[in-house]
Protein backbone atom coordinates (compact mmCIF):
# COMPACT_ATOMS: atom_id res chain seq x y z
CA MET A 1 -11.39 138.65 33.83
CA ASP A 2 -13.51 138.82 36.99
CA LEU A 3 -15.47 135.65 37.64
CA GLN A 4 -16.41 136.42 41.23
CA PRO A 5 -19.97 137.73 40.57
CA ARG A 6 -20.74 134.69 38.44
CA GLN A 7 -19.45 132.40 41.17
CA ARG A 8 -21.68 134.03 43.74
CA ARG A 9 -24.80 133.58 41.64
CA MET A 10 -24.03 129.88 41.08
CA SER A 11 -22.73 129.17 44.60
CA ARG A 12 -23.64 125.75 45.91
CA THR A 13 -22.28 123.28 48.44
CA LEU A 14 -20.97 120.08 46.91
CA ALA A 15 -19.32 117.11 48.59
CA TYR A 16 -16.93 114.59 47.09
CA ALA A 17 -16.96 111.37 49.10
CA HIS A 18 -14.18 108.83 48.55
CA LEU A 19 -14.96 105.37 49.91
CA HIS A 20 -11.97 103.29 50.94
CA ARG A 21 -12.12 100.39 48.48
CA PRO A 22 -15.51 98.83 49.08
CA ALA A 23 -16.66 95.69 47.32
CA LEU A 24 -18.75 96.46 44.25
CA GLU A 25 -22.02 95.33 45.84
CA THR A 26 -21.25 97.34 48.98
CA TYR A 27 -20.52 100.38 46.82
CA ARG A 28 -23.98 100.04 45.29
CA GLN A 29 -25.61 99.71 48.70
CA VAL A 30 -23.89 102.83 50.04
CA PHE A 31 -26.11 104.94 47.79
CA THR A 32 -29.15 104.05 49.88
CA VAL A 33 -27.44 105.80 52.80
CA LEU A 34 -26.33 108.78 50.71
CA ALA A 35 -29.89 109.22 49.46
CA ASP A 36 -30.97 109.78 53.08
CA LEU A 37 -28.89 112.96 53.06
CA THR A 38 -29.72 114.30 49.60
CA PRO A 39 -31.48 113.01 46.50
CA VAL A 40 -28.89 114.72 44.30
CA VAL A 41 -26.14 112.07 44.24
CA GLN A 42 -23.93 111.07 41.32
CA ALA A 43 -21.93 107.85 41.27
CA LEU A 44 -18.26 108.18 40.33
CA PRO A 45 -17.16 104.55 40.06
CA PRO A 46 -15.35 102.68 41.36
CA TYR A 47 -15.01 104.27 44.81
CA ALA A 48 -16.50 107.79 44.92
CA ALA A 49 -19.70 109.80 44.86
CA LEU A 50 -20.58 113.45 44.30
CA LEU A 51 -23.35 115.01 46.39
CA ASP A 52 -25.14 118.36 46.20
CA LEU A 53 -25.69 119.31 49.85
CA THR A 54 -27.17 122.77 49.23
CA GLY A 55 -30.69 121.76 50.19
CA ALA A 56 -29.56 119.27 52.85
CA LEU A 57 -27.82 122.03 54.82
CA ARG A 58 -31.11 123.85 55.24
CA TYR A 59 -33.13 120.67 55.83
CA PHE A 60 -30.88 119.25 58.56
CA ASP A 61 -29.90 122.70 59.87
CA ARG A 62 -26.24 121.70 60.04
CA THR A 63 -22.94 123.14 58.89
CA PRO A 64 -21.06 121.50 55.98
CA ALA A 65 -18.56 119.99 58.43
CA GLU A 66 -21.36 118.53 60.57
CA LEU A 67 -23.09 117.09 57.54
CA ALA A 68 -19.82 115.51 56.35
CA GLN A 69 -19.39 113.93 59.76
CA LEU A 70 -22.95 112.61 59.64
CA LEU A 71 -22.25 111.06 56.23
CA GLN A 72 -19.10 109.37 57.51
CA LEU A 73 -20.83 108.02 60.61
CA LYS A 74 -23.73 106.56 58.61
CA VAL A 75 -21.43 104.78 56.17
CA VAL A 76 -19.06 103.36 58.77
CA ALA A 77 -21.92 102.28 61.04
CA ARG A 78 -23.75 100.41 58.30
CA PHE A 79 -20.92 99.06 56.17
CA GLY A 80 -17.73 99.43 58.21
CA ILE A 81 -16.18 101.57 55.45
CA GLN A 82 -14.11 104.67 56.11
CA THR A 83 -14.83 107.73 53.96
CA THR A 84 -12.79 110.79 53.09
CA VAL A 85 -14.93 113.84 52.29
CA GLY A 86 -14.13 117.10 50.54
CA ILE A 87 -16.63 119.96 50.49
CA GLY A 88 -16.51 123.05 48.32
CA PRO A 89 -18.66 125.41 46.24
CA ASN A 90 -18.18 123.34 43.05
CA ARG A 91 -17.12 119.93 41.85
CA MET A 92 -13.48 120.75 41.18
CA LEU A 93 -12.91 122.33 44.59
CA ALA A 94 -14.77 119.57 46.44
CA THR A 95 -12.66 116.93 44.67
CA LEU A 96 -9.38 118.68 45.41
CA ALA A 97 -10.46 119.21 49.02
CA ALA A 98 -11.01 115.45 49.36
CA GLN A 99 -7.67 114.67 47.73
CA THR A 100 -5.83 116.91 50.20
CA ALA A 101 -7.70 115.65 53.28
CA THR A 102 -6.16 113.13 55.61
CA PRO A 103 -7.68 109.63 55.32
CA ASP A 104 -11.07 109.27 57.00
CA ALA A 105 -11.30 113.04 57.54
CA ALA A 106 -13.34 115.88 56.04
CA HIS A 107 -11.86 118.99 54.45
CA VAL A 108 -14.28 121.89 54.06
CA LEU A 109 -13.22 124.65 51.68
CA PRO A 110 -15.16 127.88 52.37
CA ASP A 111 -16.79 129.79 49.53
CA ASP A 112 -14.35 132.66 49.91
CA PRO A 113 -12.40 133.91 46.86
CA GLN A 114 -9.21 134.66 48.78
CA GLN A 115 -9.14 131.29 50.53
CA ILE A 116 -9.92 129.51 47.27
CA THR A 117 -7.06 131.32 45.54
CA GLY A 118 -4.64 130.46 48.33
CA PHE A 119 -5.76 126.83 48.20
CA LEU A 120 -5.40 126.46 44.43
CA ASP A 121 -2.22 128.42 43.74
CA PRO A 122 0.37 125.77 44.80
CA PHE A 123 -1.23 122.97 42.76
CA PRO A 124 0.40 121.84 39.48
CA VAL A 125 -1.73 122.59 36.44
CA GLN A 126 -2.28 118.86 35.87
CA VAL A 127 -4.76 118.67 38.76
CA LEU A 128 -7.24 120.92 36.96
CA PRO A 129 -10.09 119.12 35.16
CA ASP A 130 -9.70 118.74 31.39
CA VAL A 131 -5.95 119.48 31.46
CA GLY A 132 -4.26 116.60 29.68
CA ALA A 133 -0.63 115.73 29.07
CA ARG A 134 -0.40 117.70 25.81
CA THR A 135 -1.82 120.88 27.33
CA SER A 136 0.40 120.65 30.43
CA ARG A 137 3.49 120.17 28.23
CA ALA A 138 2.57 123.21 26.15
CA LEU A 139 2.13 125.31 29.28
CA ALA A 140 5.37 124.01 30.81
CA GLY A 141 7.20 125.17 27.69
CA TYR A 142 6.33 128.72 28.73
CA GLY A 143 7.17 128.17 32.38
CA LEU A 144 3.53 127.80 33.45
CA THR A 145 3.56 124.87 35.84
CA THR A 146 1.31 125.89 38.73
CA VAL A 147 -2.22 127.24 39.05
CA ALA A 148 -0.73 130.49 40.38
CA ASP A 149 1.20 130.84 37.11
CA LEU A 150 -1.99 130.47 35.08
CA ARG A 151 -3.84 133.01 37.18
CA THR A 152 -1.29 135.73 36.49
CA VAL A 153 -1.24 135.23 32.72
CA PRO A 154 -3.61 137.29 30.53
CA LEU A 155 -6.42 135.35 28.88
CA ALA A 156 -5.21 136.24 25.40
CA THR A 157 -1.80 134.72 26.16
CA LEU A 158 -3.34 131.46 27.37
CA GLN A 159 -5.45 131.30 24.22
CA ARG A 160 -2.38 131.78 22.01
CA ILE A 161 -0.51 129.00 23.84
CA THR A 162 -3.45 126.58 23.62
CA THR A 163 -6.72 127.41 21.83
CA ALA A 164 -9.45 129.97 22.34
CA SER A 165 -11.76 127.57 24.20
CA THR A 166 -9.01 125.83 26.18
CA GLY A 167 -7.45 129.14 27.21
CA ARG A 168 -10.76 130.43 28.57
CA LEU A 169 -11.35 127.16 30.39
CA LEU A 170 -7.89 127.32 31.99
CA ALA A 171 -8.47 130.89 33.13
CA GLU A 172 -11.76 129.94 34.76
CA ARG A 173 -10.35 126.84 36.43
CA ALA A 174 -7.36 128.78 37.79
CA ARG A 175 -9.79 131.15 39.50
CA GLY A 176 -11.71 128.31 41.07
CA HIS A 177 -14.71 128.25 38.74
CA ASP A 178 -16.25 124.96 37.62
CA PRO A 179 -19.77 125.04 36.12
CA ARG A 180 -20.24 121.26 36.07
CA THR A 181 -23.28 120.15 38.02
CA VAL A 182 -24.16 116.98 39.89
CA ARG A 183 -25.97 114.56 37.58
CA PRO A 184 -28.07 112.30 39.80
CA GLY A 185 -27.52 108.63 39.11
CA GLY A 186 -26.47 105.50 40.94
CA PRO A 187 -23.71 103.07 39.97
CA PRO A 188 -24.13 101.62 36.48
CA VAL A 189 -25.33 98.06 36.19
CA VAL A 190 -22.43 95.63 35.78
CA LEU A 191 -21.98 91.88 35.65
CA THR A 192 -19.18 90.52 37.80
CA ALA A 193 -17.28 87.22 37.94
CA ARG A 194 -14.60 86.49 40.52
CA ARG A 195 -12.12 83.65 40.82
CA GLY A 196 -9.99 83.04 43.89
CA PHE A 197 -6.97 80.72 44.06
CA ASP A 198 -6.54 78.06 46.76
CA ARG A 199 -3.00 79.33 47.14
CA ASP A 200 -1.35 82.55 45.99
CA THR A 201 -0.06 81.78 42.52
CA VAL A 202 2.51 83.11 40.06
CA ASP A 203 1.45 80.66 37.35
CA SER A 204 0.14 82.52 34.30
CA ASP A 205 -1.54 79.33 32.99
CA THR A 206 -3.61 79.12 36.17
CA ALA A 207 -4.60 82.75 35.76
CA ARG A 208 -5.55 82.24 32.13
CA ARG A 209 -7.75 79.27 33.01
CA ALA A 210 -9.45 81.52 35.54
CA LEU A 211 -10.02 84.13 32.83
CA LEU A 212 -11.52 81.50 30.54
CA SER A 213 -13.84 80.45 33.35
CA THR A 214 -14.98 84.05 33.92
CA ALA A 215 -15.48 84.58 30.17
CA LEU A 216 -17.74 81.52 30.07
CA GLU A 217 -19.73 82.76 33.06
CA LEU A 218 -20.12 86.33 31.81
CA GLY A 219 -20.95 85.21 28.28
CA ALA A 220 -23.75 82.99 29.60
CA GLN A 221 -25.08 85.81 31.81
CA LEU A 222 -25.05 88.28 28.94
CA ARG A 223 -26.84 85.96 26.54
CA GLY A 224 -29.30 84.90 29.21
CA SER A 225 -30.24 88.52 29.91
CA GLY A 226 -30.29 89.56 26.24
CA GLN A 227 -27.41 92.01 26.64
CA VAL A 228 -23.97 92.75 25.26
CA THR A 229 -21.05 94.45 26.97
CA GLY A 230 -19.06 97.34 25.56
CA ARG A 231 -16.36 97.50 28.24
CA LEU A 232 -14.39 94.98 30.29
CA GLU A 233 -12.50 95.61 33.51
CA LEU A 234 -9.95 93.22 35.01
CA GLU A 235 -8.88 93.49 38.65
CA VAL A 236 -5.96 91.46 40.00
CA ARG A 237 -5.56 91.18 43.78
CA TYR A 238 -2.12 90.22 45.09
CA ALA A 239 -0.87 88.40 48.18
CA ASP A 240 -0.09 91.72 49.92
CA ARG A 241 -3.73 92.79 49.29
CA SER A 242 -2.75 95.45 46.78
CA VAL A 243 -4.82 95.67 43.60
CA THR A 244 -4.17 96.46 39.95
CA THR A 245 -7.04 97.31 37.60
CA ARG A 246 -7.10 97.53 33.81
CA ALA A 247 -10.09 98.31 31.60
CA ARG A 248 -10.78 98.34 27.88
CA THR A 249 -13.60 99.69 25.75
CA LEU A 250 -14.47 97.14 23.08
CA ARG A 251 -14.61 98.10 19.43
CA GLU A 252 -17.74 96.01 19.07
CA PRO A 253 -20.09 95.22 21.99
CA THR A 254 -20.33 91.46 22.37
CA ASP A 255 -21.76 88.52 24.29
CA HIS A 256 -19.49 86.02 22.52
CA THR A 257 -17.41 83.93 24.93
CA ALA A 258 -14.34 83.67 22.70
CA ALA A 259 -14.26 87.44 22.14
CA LEU A 260 -14.54 88.05 25.88
CA GLN A 261 -11.76 85.55 26.55
CA GLN A 262 -9.43 87.17 24.02
CA GLN A 263 -10.00 90.66 25.42
CA LEU A 264 -9.37 89.43 28.98
CA HIS A 265 -6.16 87.68 27.93
CA ASP A 266 -4.98 90.90 26.29
CA LEU A 267 -5.77 92.90 29.44
CA TYR A 268 -3.93 90.37 31.59
CA SER A 269 -0.90 90.34 29.28
CA SER A 270 -0.76 94.16 29.38
CA LEU A 271 -0.05 93.99 33.13
CA GLY A 272 3.34 92.38 32.44
CA LEU A 273 3.23 90.26 35.59
CA GLN A 274 6.36 88.21 36.15
CA ARG A 275 6.59 86.72 39.65
CA ALA A 276 3.73 88.62 41.28
CA ARG A 277 1.82 86.38 43.69
CA GLN A 278 -1.82 86.60 42.69
CA ARG A 279 -4.66 85.87 45.09
CA SER A 280 -7.76 86.44 42.95
CA LEU A 281 -9.07 87.81 39.66
CA THR A 282 -12.24 89.87 39.21
CA VAL A 283 -13.80 90.62 35.83
CA ARG A 284 -16.55 93.18 35.30
CA ALA A 285 -18.67 93.58 32.18
CA GLN A 286 -19.74 97.21 31.92
CA ALA A 287 -21.53 99.50 29.44
CA LEU A 288 -24.32 96.96 29.06
CA ARG A 289 -26.93 97.43 26.36
CA PRO A 290 -29.69 95.34 24.74
CA VAL A 291 -28.40 92.88 22.19
CA GLU A 292 -30.90 94.25 19.66
CA SER A 293 -29.11 97.60 19.65
CA ALA A 294 -25.73 96.08 18.77
CA SER A 295 -24.43 95.24 15.34
CA VAL A 296 -22.18 92.25 14.62
CA GLN A 297 -19.28 92.57 12.22
CA LEU A 298 -19.45 89.87 9.56
CA SER A 299 -16.55 87.45 9.73
CA PHE A 300 -15.21 84.96 7.20
CA ASP A 301 -13.16 83.18 9.86
CA ARG A 302 -14.61 79.70 10.30
CA ARG A 303 -13.29 79.31 13.83
CA THR A 304 -14.99 82.52 14.95
CA GLU A 305 -18.28 81.57 13.33
CA ARG A 306 -18.19 78.09 14.85
CA GLY A 307 -17.59 79.63 18.25
CA ARG A 308 -20.59 81.91 17.84
CA ARG A 309 -22.79 78.96 16.90
CA LEU A 310 -21.43 76.94 19.82
CA ASP A 311 -22.37 79.50 22.50
CA PRO A 312 -26.16 78.97 22.33
CA VAL A 313 -25.65 75.19 22.20
CA VAL A 314 -23.70 75.32 25.46
CA ASP A 315 -26.36 77.61 26.95
CA ARG A 316 -29.16 75.16 26.12
CA ALA A 317 -27.18 72.20 27.52
CA THR A 318 -26.47 74.13 30.71
CA THR A 319 -30.12 75.07 31.12
CA ARG A 320 -31.28 71.49 30.63
CA PHE A 321 -28.57 69.40 32.27
CA GLY A 322 -26.81 71.76 34.69
CA PRO A 323 -23.72 74.01 34.70
CA HIS A 324 -21.20 71.18 34.20
CA ALA A 325 -22.93 69.41 31.32
CA LEU A 326 -20.46 70.87 28.83
CA THR A 327 -17.15 72.50 29.58
CA ARG A 328 -13.90 73.45 27.90
CA ALA A 329 -11.05 70.94 27.89
CA ALA A 330 -8.79 73.50 29.53
CA LEU A 331 -11.08 73.49 32.57
CA VAL A 332 -11.35 69.71 33.00
CA THR A 333 -8.97 69.82 35.98
CA GLY A 334 -11.27 72.38 37.57
CA PRO A 335 -11.17 76.19 37.40
CA PRO A 336 -10.40 78.32 40.46
CA ALA A 337 -13.33 78.65 42.81
CA ALA A 338 -15.87 81.40 42.30
CA VAL A 339 -15.77 84.08 44.99
CA ARG A 340 -18.93 85.58 46.39
CA PRO A 341 -19.26 89.38 46.03
């Protein structure tokens, strides 16, 4: 199956930019700089962006490597953030180029079939987009573990091992073809609450009080803006500055404080932290939507219904008398301090 003519007709220059762990607000601001290079920019949260540089190459009259360097200079000059850039003729190749580049460098993959083949062949099949654990296990059962292995297998064989559509997709990916385009769009709107500890802590009770505090804050923000969240993300930062992140898509979008608290406790418990010294917790409410578009599952649990009725009461008291008019008993000793973005 010869995909080279099709590649030539669809040839473009795409860049995958990986930002080295910016704060969320900084990540959002970076897109004002990226838009100076090209209007075709797609956010890939939490730390990356995909850019179509095809038109920018002609406009700035620069090579892909020079444009990548310009991007890196603009970002580091304005925000002090290092960026690793991969450039290739499609999204898959640009992403892999970035992943194989040294930190803070740019790796440009030419639009040349032989060089693309040589670049892809050593990779394990798992690096290809849309290749999950089940597909990779099925391929491994037949000794197909690298992209080079896939490329030498007839299409009909791949389709018998997997399915007709998956086999064709694998054959195209192994030859360096990826039809996915850049979908312009900035980072999605999120609500964020952070809590930092006066001292690094290993106390799970302290962490859970912090989660309750963030649930109260996010619940009030959601109800105040007339929104519900469909996804929660929890980020734990440790004493050595390493970070662990867990996220969960909610079965039912909600603005209910108790529901947010329960989901955050479950996420925290899933980390299995024992004696890890924690420095701060960050919670993000994502997949926001208007409350009118969400449905609420009827509940016959009195405690749940009382909690739902209590939320607007607390909101009204807070609006009238200030943020500390009403609080939970668990927070009487004072929650960890909020951290500015």
